[in-house]
Amino acid sequence: MYKLRSEHIRTHLHLCTLVIVLCLLILTTSWIVKSYQRYQKATHTVVELKALIAMSDLSESMLSERLPSNLLTHATPETQIFYQQQLQQHRLEVDQKIQHTVHILQASGFANIAQVLQDQMPAQLARARHDFDGYVQILPQQRTQQQLMQDIQSLFNAWEQMHVLLKKTLIESRSYGMESTHHYAIILLICDLQEQTSRMTSYIKAPVIFAESIAEEQRVNTLKQLYRAEYLWHLIGKIQDGSEDQSAFQKYYQAIGVQVLQTNKNLIQTLLQQSKRQQHYSYNAKDITTLAVHSSARVLDLQRHVLNTRLAEVEARQHDAQRDFILSCLVLLICLGTVVFSLLYARHQVFLPLIQARNTLLDLVDPQNKHDLNDSVTLLDAIERMKQTLQQRDALAFQLKNMANTDPLTGASNRVALDEYLKLKNQQNNAFSDTALIIVDIDNFKQVNDQYGHL
């Protein structure tokens, strides 16, 4: 490990950083992908639910066309123009809603249903409206029960087509799961309930208008519609039991039981008894149509509540999924930023200073050959070489000092050494208490120096 150069350590650090980045990507990618998938699924479900709500609103608008139509049917010459204007205005609103719903369906991925709605529904409504307008043009005393039943059936064909498209939208929805299946099952049953409630009084409306007895077939069909509606109502309550938001659901659910089923049941029983006893009917066509429109509105209120409740839940999950996705991306960015910052910090604050310190030591040790050694010498090697150089310099200094303090002829310390010794001795306590000085002089030694020279 000590043989690794700083450049090698830096390379290894880069590799370790790359491994860390890959690990972070592996760990966070799963989180990011899952949160993004949840967000996409929730977004798609929101779009589908908005399409279903648009279809439900369109269905309500189409069914509510019955009321101005009925008012126009029984209008007096003085009020006929007023009610006809109301009907035309309502028809215009329905046509605009059809186009608006088509755009929503196309944007939601229900292109086939949007195409059918755009191609078939206006034409079918136009035929039904044409039949109705033709019936209105007939003088009241010339109208027959058969003509009215044909007119009613023509309108119901258009409404039934709308129910079929709404059910098809639910079936083709890709928002699977237990919760979505539960809500969509309830919506499908509500669609069937709406169809049954809209038809409950349709079979006996014509005999009441023309003050004729209710035929057995009409009586049987009316009771069938009533019993089917009651069965669907009880089935919806059983499916909803145990789910959340019971208080709000029960409010709309009980309103259907009281204001729709019980009211229609009382009206049907009353009219059937009066027909059987050949009595005058206590309800007229306006009463029957108003009740039918009111019943459809109550059922649509429940349907809209279920859709809006589901939409609110999915939008909350969409928000949570979006928050998780953003959070996961931020965590990844923060981790990657931390890794990059640590790498840059280590490069500029650790490795580059170490390399500069190594080069400086090499410059001090061997200025001439430092460039040749930079690529093969580590910082520890440079420190070791500096240590050896310092030791060599200390040894050389010791040798020079020893040469300066020693007489080369005799090997004895000279006067310089004596002066240093005296200075060192003077710094000690009782410096010269045990010190003696011996002076030796050789007579006539000058002749030796003169004859043989100074050695």
Protein backbone atom coordinates (compact mmCIF):
# COMPACT_ATOMS: atom_id res chain seq x y z
CA MET A 1 0.00 0.00 0.00
CA TYR A 2 2.88 2.37 0.80
CA LYS A 3 4.26 1.88 -2.72
CA LEU A 4 1.20 3.51 -4.31
CA ARG A 5 1.88 6.90 -5.80
CA SER A 6 -0.50 9.82 -5.28
CA GLU A 7 -1.54 9.60 -8.92
CA HIS A 8 -2.47 5.93 -8.42
CA ILE A 9 -4.41 6.75 -5.28
CA ARG A 10 -6.29 9.42 -7.18
CA THR A 11 -7.12 6.91 -9.92
CA HIS A 12 -8.33 4.43 -7.34
CA LEU A 13 -10.41 7.15 -5.74
CA HIS A 14 -12.04 7.81 -9.10
CA LEU A 15 -12.86 4.13 -9.46
CA CYS A 16 -14.30 3.98 -5.94
CA THR A 17 -16.35 7.07 -6.67
CA LEU A 18 -17.68 5.46 -9.83
CA VAL A 19 -18.65 2.36 -7.85
CA ILE A 20 -20.43 4.52 -5.26
CA VAL A 21 -22.31 6.38 -8.01
CA LEU A 22 -23.38 3.10 -9.60
CA CYS A 23 -24.58 1.79 -6.22
CA LEU A 24 -26.56 4.97 -5.65
CA LEU A 25 -28.10 4.68 -9.08
CA ILE A 26 -29.04 1.05 -8.48
CA LEU A 27 -30.58 1.82 -5.08
CA THR A 28 -32.45 4.96 -6.10
CA THR A 29 -33.46 3.88 -9.59
CA SER A 30 -35.90 1.31 -8.21
CA TRP A 31 -37.40 3.94 -5.92
CA ILE A 32 -37.61 6.50 -8.73
CA VAL A 33 -39.12 4.03 -11.21
CA LYS A 34 -41.74 2.75 -8.75
CA SER A 35 -42.77 6.24 -7.65
CA TYR A 36 -42.95 7.36 -11.28
CA GLN A 37 -45.06 4.33 -12.20
CA ARG A 38 -47.42 5.07 -9.30
CA TYR A 39 -47.64 8.67 -10.42
CA GLN A 40 -48.33 7.69 -14.03
CA LYS A 41 -50.97 5.17 -12.96
CA ALA A 42 -52.67 7.70 -10.70
CA THR A 43 -52.54 10.33 -13.44
CA HIS A 44 -54.09 7.92 -15.92
CA THR A 45 -56.81 7.01 -13.43
CA VAL A 46 -57.57 10.70 -12.83
CA VAL A 47 -57.93 11.23 -16.58
CA GLU A 48 -60.25 8.22 -16.88
CA LEU A 49 -62.38 9.33 -13.95
CA LYS A 50 -62.75 12.81 -15.43
CA ALA A 51 -63.88 11.17 -18.66
CA LEU A 52 -66.46 9.12 -16.74
CA ILE A 53 -67.67 12.25 -14.95
CA ALA A 54 -68.05 13.99 -18.31
CA MET A 55 -70.03 11.01 -19.62
CA SER A 56 -72.22 11.07 -16.52
CA ASP A 57 -72.92 14.79 -16.94
CA LEU A 58 -73.80 14.25 -20.58
CA SER A 59 -76.15 11.43 -19.65
CA GLU A 60 -77.89 13.66 -17.12
CA SER A 61 -78.28 16.44 -19.69
CA MET A 62 -79.77 14.04 -22.21
CA LEU A 63 -82.21 12.62 -19.70
CA SER A 64 -83.26 16.06 -18.48
CA GLU A 65 -84.35 16.88 -22.03
CA ARG A 66 -87.51 14.96 -21.20
CA LEU A 67 -88.88 17.73 -19.00
CA PRO A 68 -88.90 20.61 -21.56
CA SER A 69 -90.10 18.12 -24.17
CA ASN A 70 -93.04 17.14 -22.00
CA LEU A 71 -93.85 20.77 -21.25
CA LEU A 72 -93.89 21.51 -24.98
CA THR A 73 -96.14 18.52 -25.63
CA HIS A 74 -98.86 19.88 -23.34
CA ALA A 75 -98.25 23.58 -23.99
CA THR A 76 -101.06 25.89 -24.97
CA PRO A 77 -100.77 27.97 -28.15
CA GLU A 78 -99.79 30.97 -25.98
CA THR A 79 -96.89 29.16 -24.24
CA GLN A 80 -95.82 26.88 -27.08
CA ILE A 81 -93.20 29.30 -28.48
CA PHE A 82 -91.71 29.87 -25.03
CA TYR A 83 -91.36 26.15 -24.28
CA GLN A 84 -90.04 25.48 -27.77
CA GLN A 85 -87.28 28.06 -27.21
CA GLN A 86 -86.44 26.41 -23.89
CA LEU A 87 -86.24 23.03 -25.59
CA GLN A 88 -84.02 24.35 -28.39
CA GLN A 89 -81.70 25.98 -25.88
CA HIS A 90 -81.46 22.74 -23.93
CA ARG A 91 -80.78 20.77 -27.11
CA LEU A 92 -78.02 23.19 -28.03
CA GLU A 93 -76.43 22.69 -24.61
CA VAL A 94 -76.64 18.91 -25.03
CA ASP A 95 -74.99 19.10 -28.47
CA GLN A 96 -72.18 21.25 -27.05
CA LYS A 97 -71.69 18.79 -24.21
CA ILE A 98 -71.43 15.95 -26.71
CA GLN A 99 -68.57 17.69 -28.50
CA HIS A 100 -66.92 18.59 -25.19
CA THR A 101 -67.21 14.98 -24.02
CA VAL A 102 -65.77 13.74 -27.31
CA HIS A 103 -62.65 15.88 -26.77
CA ILE A 104 -62.28 14.60 -23.19
CA LEU A 105 -62.62 10.98 -24.32
CA GLN A 106 -60.04 11.46 -27.06
CA ALA A 107 -57.60 13.02 -24.59
CA SER A 108 -58.26 10.19 -22.13
CA GLY A 109 -57.40 7.40 -24.52
CA PHE A 110 -60.97 6.34 -25.38
CA ALA A 111 -60.67 7.16 -29.06
CA ASN A 112 -63.06 4.40 -30.21
CA ILE A 113 -65.78 5.47 -27.80
CA ALA A 114 -65.25 9.11 -28.75
CA GLN A 115 -65.62 8.20 -32.41
CA VAL A 116 -68.87 6.34 -31.76
CA LEU A 117 -70.20 9.20 -29.65
CA GLN A 118 -69.31 11.73 -32.33
CA ASP A 119 -70.63 9.71 -35.28
CA GLN A 120 -73.72 7.96 -33.91
CA MET A 121 -75.07 9.94 -30.98
CA PRO A 122 -75.88 13.21 -32.84
CA ALA A 123 -77.56 11.26 -35.63
CA GLN A 124 -79.58 9.13 -33.20
CA LEU A 125 -80.60 12.19 -31.18
CA ALA A 126 -81.53 13.97 -34.39
CA ARG A 127 -83.86 11.10 -35.37
CA ALA A 128 -85.45 11.04 -31.92
CA ARG A 129 -85.89 14.81 -31.93
CA HIS A 130 -87.31 14.70 -35.44
CA ASP A 131 -89.88 12.11 -34.36
CA PHE A 132 -90.76 14.20 -31.32
CA ASP A 133 -91.06 17.41 -33.32
CA GLY A 134 -93.34 15.58 -35.74
CA TYR A 135 -95.48 14.38 -32.85
CA VAL A 136 -95.73 17.91 -31.44
CA GLN A 137 -96.90 19.24 -34.80
CA ILE A 138 -99.90 16.89 -34.69
CA LEU A 139 -102.99 18.44 -33.21
CA PRO A 140 -103.69 17.17 -29.68
CA GLN A 141 -107.03 15.66 -30.65
CA GLN A 142 -105.38 13.72 -33.49
CA ARG A 143 -102.56 12.20 -31.45
CA THR A 144 -102.69 8.53 -30.56
CA GLN A 145 -101.23 6.43 -27.78
CA GLN A 146 -99.24 4.40 -30.33
CA GLN A 147 -97.60 7.55 -31.74
CA LEU A 148 -96.61 8.67 -28.24
CA MET A 149 -95.16 5.25 -27.39
CA GLN A 150 -93.12 5.32 -30.60
CA ASP A 151 -91.86 8.79 -29.72
CA ILE A 152 -90.93 7.67 -26.20
CA GLN A 153 -89.18 4.58 -27.55
CA SER A 154 -87.21 6.68 -30.03
CA LEU A 155 -85.92 8.90 -27.21
CA PHE A 156 -85.11 5.88 -25.06
CA ASN A 157 -83.05 4.37 -27.86
CA ALA A 158 -80.79 7.43 -27.82
CA TRP A 159 -80.54 7.37 -24.02
CA GLU A 160 -79.81 3.65 -23.99
CA GLN A 161 -76.99 4.23 -26.48
CA MET A 162 -75.53 6.73 -24.03
CA HIS A 163 -75.73 4.18 -21.21
CA VAL A 164 -74.01 1.60 -23.41
CA LEU A 165 -71.15 4.01 -24.12
CA LEU A 166 -70.82 4.85 -20.44
CA LYS A 167 -70.62 1.16 -19.53
CA LYS A 168 -68.14 0.55 -22.32
CA THR A 169 -65.97 3.35 -20.96
CA LEU A 170 -65.98 1.68 -17.55
CA ILE A 171 -65.17 -1.73 -19.02
CA GLU A 172 -62.31 -0.41 -21.17
CA SER A 173 -60.82 1.48 -18.25
CA ARG A 174 -57.28 0.29 -17.47
CA SER A 175 -57.27 1.41 -13.84
CA TYR A 176 -57.26 -2.07 -12.35
CA GLY A 177 -57.01 -3.05 -8.71
CA MET A 178 -59.39 -3.99 -5.94
CA GLU A 179 -60.40 -0.43 -5.14
CA SER A 180 -60.97 0.56 -8.77
CA THR A 181 -62.89 -2.65 -9.43
CA HIS A 182 -65.07 -2.00 -6.37
CA HIS A 183 -65.90 1.56 -7.40
CA TYR A 184 -66.43 0.70 -11.05
CA ALA A 185 -68.71 -2.21 -10.13
CA ILE A 186 -70.87 0.18 -8.12
CA ILE A 187 -70.92 2.67 -11.00
CA LEU A 188 -72.01 -0.05 -13.43
CA LEU A 189 -74.84 -1.02 -11.09
CA ILE A 190 -75.82 2.62 -10.72
CA CYS A 191 -75.93 2.91 -14.52
CA ASP A 192 -78.31 -0.04 -14.63
CA LEU A 193 -80.34 1.49 -11.81
CA GLN A 194 -80.59 4.75 -13.69
CA GLU A 195 -81.83 2.93 -16.78
CA GLN A 196 -84.48 1.08 -14.77
CA THR A 197 -85.70 4.19 -12.93
CA SER A 198 -85.97 6.17 -16.17
CA ARG A 199 -88.18 3.43 -17.63
CA MET A 200 -90.37 2.70 -14.61
CA THR A 201 -93.20 5.01 -15.60
CA SER A 202 -92.60 5.10 -19.35
CA TYR A 203 -94.96 2.18 -20.05
CA ILE A 204 -97.93 3.76 -18.28
CA LYS A 205 -97.35 7.34 -19.37
CA ALA A 206 -99.27 7.05 -22.64
CA PRO A 207 -102.43 5.50 -21.14
CA VAL A 208 -102.45 8.22 -18.47
CA ILE A 209 -102.11 10.99 -21.06
CA PHE A 210 -104.93 9.60 -23.21
CA ALA A 211 -107.00 8.60 -20.14
CA GLU A 212 -107.12 4.98 -21.25
CA SER A 213 -106.84 1.79 -19.25
CA ILE A 214 -103.39 0.39 -18.65
CA ALA A 215 -102.93 -2.82 -20.62
CA GLU A 216 -101.72 -6.00 -18.94
CA GLU A 217 -98.45 -5.96 -20.87
CA GLN A 218 -97.85 -2.36 -19.80
CA ARG A 219 -98.61 -3.24 -16.19
CA VAL A 220 -96.23 -6.22 -16.24
CA ASN A 221 -93.40 -4.22 -17.84
CA THR A 222 -93.85 -1.40 -15.34
CA LEU A 223 -93.70 -3.74 -12.34
CA LYS A 224 -90.66 -5.49 -13.81
CA GLN A 225 -88.83 -2.19 -14.06
CA LEU A 226 -89.80 -1.35 -10.48
CA TYR A 227 -88.66 -4.69 -9.06
CA ARG A 228 -85.40 -4.57 -11.02
CA ALA A 229 -84.72 -1.09 -9.72
CA GLU A 230 -85.35 -2.22 -6.12
CA TYR A 231 -83.09 -5.24 -6.61
CA LEU A 232 -80.26 -3.09 -7.98
CA TRP A 233 -80.70 -0.60 -5.14
CA HIS A 234 -80.35 -3.33 -2.50
CA LEU A 235 -77.38 -4.85 -4.36
CA ILE A 236 -75.55 -1.51 -4.41
CA GLY A 237 -76.08 -1.18 -0.67
CA LYS A 238 -74.67 -4.66 -0.04
CA ILE A 239 -71.56 -4.01 -2.12
CA GLN A 240 -70.93 -0.65 -0.47
CA ASP A 241 -71.23 -2.05 3.09
CA GLY A 242 -67.89 -2.03 4.88
CA SER A 243 -66.28 0.55 2.63
CA GLU A 244 -65.22 4.03 3.66
CA ASP A 245 -67.22 7.25 3.48
CA GLN A 246 -70.45 5.55 4.54
CA SER A 247 -72.13 8.72 5.83
CA ALA A 248 -71.95 10.66 2.56
CA PHE A 249 -72.81 7.58 0.49
CA GLN A 250 -75.79 6.71 2.67
CA LYS A 251 -77.16 10.21 2.23
CA TYR A 252 -77.47 9.78 -1.54
CA TYR A 253 -78.31 6.09 -1.27
CA GLN A 254 -81.24 6.62 1.12
CA ALA A 255 -82.46 9.53 -1.01
CA ILE A 256 -82.89 7.08 -3.89
CA GLY A 257 -84.76 4.65 -1.65
CA VAL A 258 -87.18 7.28 -0.37
CA GLN A 259 -87.43 9.91 -3.11
CA VAL A 260 -87.14 7.59 -6.09
CA LEU A 261 -88.16 4.02 -5.40
CA GLN A 262 -90.82 4.61 -2.77
CA THR A 263 -92.30 7.63 -4.59
CA ASN A 264 -92.40 5.83 -7.93
CA LYS A 265 -93.84 2.74 -6.26
CA ASN A 266 -96.66 4.77 -4.70
CA LEU A 267 -97.37 6.48 -8.01
CA ILE A 268 -97.38 3.21 -9.97
CA GLN A 269 -99.61 1.43 -7.46
CA THR A 270 -102.02 4.35 -7.43
CA LEU A 271 -102.25 4.52 -11.22
CA LEU A 272 -102.63 0.74 -11.56
CA GLN A 273 -105.43 0.66 -9.00
CA GLN A 274 -107.19 3.61 -10.63
CA SER A 275 -106.89 1.94 -14.03
CA LYS A 276 -108.24 -1.32 -12.66
CA ARG A 277 -111.20 0.48 -11.05
CA GLN A 278 -111.77 2.64 -14.14
CA GLN A 279 -111.22 5.75 -12.03
CA HIS A 280 -109.90 9.12 -13.13
CA TYR A 281 -106.12 9.31 -12.90
CA SER A 282 -104.81 11.52 -10.10
CA TYR A 283 -101.51 12.15 -11.92
CA ASN A 284 -100.97 13.78 -15.29
CA ALA A 285 -98.16 13.54 -17.84
CA LYS A 286 -96.24 16.46 -16.32
CA ASP A 287 -96.26 14.79 -12.90
CA ILE A 288 -94.96 11.52 -14.37
CA THR A 289 -92.22 13.23 -16.42
CA THR A 290 -91.13 15.47 -13.54
CA LEU A 291 -90.86 12.45 -11.25
CA ALA A 292 -88.89 10.53 -13.90
CA VAL A 293 -86.45 13.42 -14.36
CA HIS A 294 -86.16 13.89 -10.61
CA SER A 295 -85.53 10.15 -10.13
CA SER A 296 -82.81 10.13 -12.77
CA ALA A 297 -81.20 13.16 -11.14
CA ARG A 298 -81.11 11.46 -7.74
CA VAL A 299 -79.48 8.35 -9.21
CA LEU A 300 -76.97 10.52 -11.07
CA ASP A 301 -76.22 12.34 -7.81
CA LEU A 302 -75.15 9.02 -6.30
CA GLN A 303 -73.14 8.16 -9.39
CA ARG A 304 -71.43 11.54 -9.36
CA HIS A 305 -70.68 11.19 -5.65
CA VAL A 306 -68.99 7.82 -6.18
CA LEU A 307 -66.96 9.20 -9.09
CA ASN A 308 -65.96 12.38 -7.26
CA THR A 309 -65.04 10.44 -4.13
CA ARG A 310 -62.87 8.11 -6.15
CA LEU A 311 -61.39 11.07 -8.02
CA ALA A 312 -60.46 12.79 -4.75
CA GLU A 313 -58.77 9.63 -3.47
CA VAL A 314 -56.81 9.12 -6.68
CA GLU A 315 -55.79 12.78 -6.86
CA ALA A 316 -54.44 12.52 -3.30
CA ARG A 317 -52.46 9.42 -4.30
CA GLN A 318 -51.28 11.21 -7.42
CA HIS A 319 -50.00 14.04 -5.25
CA ASP A 320 -48.24 11.59 -2.91
CA ALA A 321 -46.69 9.71 -5.83
CA GLN A 322 -45.53 12.95 -7.41
CA ARG A 323 -44.01 14.02 -4.10
CA ASP A 324 -42.22 10.67 -3.75
CA PHE A 325 -40.91 10.92 -7.31
CA ILE A 326 -39.57 14.44 -6.77
CA LEU A 327 -38.11 13.43 -3.41
CA SER A 328 -36.35 10.40 -4.88
CA CYS A 329 -34.87 12.53 -7.66
CA LEU A 330 -33.71 15.12 -5.14
CA VAL A 331 -32.12 12.45 -2.96
CA LEU A 332 -30.27 11.06 -5.96
CA LEU A 333 -29.09 14.51 -7.02
CA ILE A 334 -27.96 15.36 -3.49
CA CYS A 335 -26.05 12.08 -3.17
CA LEU A 336 -24.40 12.52 -6.56
CA GLY A 337 -23.58 16.12 -5.73
CA THR A 338 -22.05 15.05 -2.43
CA VAL A 339 -19.92 12.42 -4.15
CA VAL A 340 -18.72 14.85 -6.83
CA PHE A 341 -18.02 17.54 -4.24
CA SER A 342 -16.06 15.06 -2.11
CA LEU A 343 -14.06 13.99 -5.15
CA LEU A 344 -13.22 17.56 -6.13
CA TYR A 345 -12.42 18.46 -2.54
CA ALA A 346 -10.09 15.47 -2.19
CA ARG A 347 -8.42 16.35 -5.48
CA HIS A 348 -7.78 20.01 -4.72
CA GLN A 349 -7.41 19.93 -0.96
CA VAL A 350 -5.63 16.58 -0.42
CA PHE A 351 -3.97 15.03 -3.43
CA LEU A 352 -2.72 18.12 -5.23
CA PRO A 353 -1.11 19.51 -2.02
CA LEU A 354 0.47 16.10 -1.38
CA ILE A 355 1.87 15.99 -4.90
CA GLN A 356 3.16 19.54 -4.54
CA ALA A 357 4.77 18.63 -1.20
CA ARG A 358 6.42 15.60 -2.82
CA ASN A 359 7.77 17.70 -5.67
CA THR A 360 9.08 20.27 -3.21
CA LEU A 361 10.92 17.59 -1.24
CA LEU A 362 12.36 16.14 -4.42
CA ASP A 363 13.48 19.60 -5.44
CA LEU A 364 15.31 19.98 -2.15
CA VAL A 365 16.84 16.52 -2.29
CA ASP A 366 17.91 16.36 -5.93
CA PRO A 367 17.04 19.46 -7.95
CA GLN A 368 18.71 18.16 -11.10
CA ASN A 369 16.90 14.81 -11.34
CA LYS A 370 13.53 15.73 -9.77
CA HIS A 371 11.59 15.68 -13.07
CA ASP A 372 12.81 12.16 -13.79
CA LEU A 373 11.76 10.99 -10.35
CA ASN A 374 8.27 12.61 -10.14
CA ASP A 375 6.50 9.75 -11.90
CA SER A 376 8.12 6.96 -9.90
CA VAL A 377 8.60 8.33 -6.37
CA THR A 378 5.88 8.51 -3.77
CA LEU A 379 5.58 11.09 -1.05
CA LEU A 380 6.89 8.58 1.48
CA ASP A 381 9.86 7.87 -0.78
CA ALA A 382 10.56 11.59 -1.03
CA ILE A 383 10.41 11.93 2.75
CA GLU A 384 12.81 8.97 3.14
CA ARG A 385 15.22 10.49 0.65
CA MET A 386 15.03 13.79 2.47
CA LYS A 387 15.79 11.98 5.72
CA GLN A 388 18.83 10.28 4.20
CA THR A 389 20.05 13.58 2.78
CA LEU A 390 19.73 15.26 6.16
CA GLN A 391 21.58 12.40 7.85
CA GLN A 392 24.38 12.71 5.28
CA ARG A 393 24.58 16.42 5.87
CA ASP A 394 24.72 15.90 9.64
CA ALA A 395 27.58 13.39 9.21
CA LEU A 396 29.46 15.77 6.94
CA ALA A 397 28.98 18.64 9.34
CA PHE A 398 30.26 16.46 12.16
CA GLN A 399 33.32 15.54 10.12
CA LEU A 400 34.04 19.16 9.25
CA LYS A 401 33.67 20.20 12.86
CA ASN A 402 35.92 17.37 13.99
CA MET A 403 38.56 18.39 11.43
CA ALA A 404 38.39 22.00 12.61
CA ASN A 405 38.85 20.96 16.30
CA THR A 406 41.69 18.40 15.82
CA ASP A 407 45.41 18.88 15.15
CA PRO A 408 46.18 16.86 12.00
CA LEU A 409 49.73 15.97 13.09
CA THR A 410 49.13 14.70 16.58
CA GLY A 411 45.37 14.02 16.47
CA ALA A 412 44.97 16.00 19.66
CA SER A 413 42.33 18.70 20.15
CA ASN A 414 43.54 22.12 19.24
CA ARG A 415 42.89 25.52 20.74
CA VAL A 416 39.50 25.85 18.95
CA ALA A 417 38.34 22.66 20.61
CA LEU A 418 39.70 23.95 23.92
CA ASP A 419 37.70 27.18 23.59
CA GLU A 420 34.48 25.25 22.87
CA TYR A 421 35.19 22.93 25.77
CA LEU A 422 35.74 25.83 28.13
CA LYS A 423 32.48 27.47 26.94
CA LEU A 424 30.57 24.23 27.48
CA LYS A 425 32.18 23.72 30.89
CA ASN A 426 31.40 27.25 31.91
CA GLN A 427 27.67 26.61 31.40
CA GLN A 428 27.66 23.80 33.99
CA ASN A 429 27.35 24.13 37.76
CA ASN A 430 30.74 24.02 39.56
CA ALA A 431 32.26 24.34 36.13
CA PHE A 432 35.94 24.41 37.06
CA SER A 433 35.91 22.92 40.56
CA ASP A 434 37.49 19.66 39.40
CA THR A 435 39.35 21.01 36.39
CA ALA A 436 43.14 21.25 36.01
CA LEU A 437 45.24 22.80 33.28
CA ILE A 438 48.61 21.35 32.30
CA ILE A 439 50.92 23.40 30.07
CA VAL A 440 53.87 21.65 28.41
CA ASP A 441 56.60 23.58 26.65
CA ILE A 442 59.49 22.04 24.71
CA ASP A 443 62.67 24.08 24.69
CA ASN A 444 64.34 24.92 21.42
CA PHE A 445 61.53 23.28 19.39
CA LYS A 446 61.67 26.27 17.07
CA GLN A 447 64.86 24.85 15.58
CA VAL A 448 63.02 21.72 14.63
CA ASN A 449 60.33 23.76 12.91
CA ASP A 450 62.87 25.87 11.15
CA GLN A 451 64.87 22.81 9.98
CA TYR A 452 62.00 20.44 9.05
CA GLY A 453 59.17 22.91 8.56
CA HIS A 454 55.81 23.25 10.25
CA LEU A 455 53.92 20.02 10.14
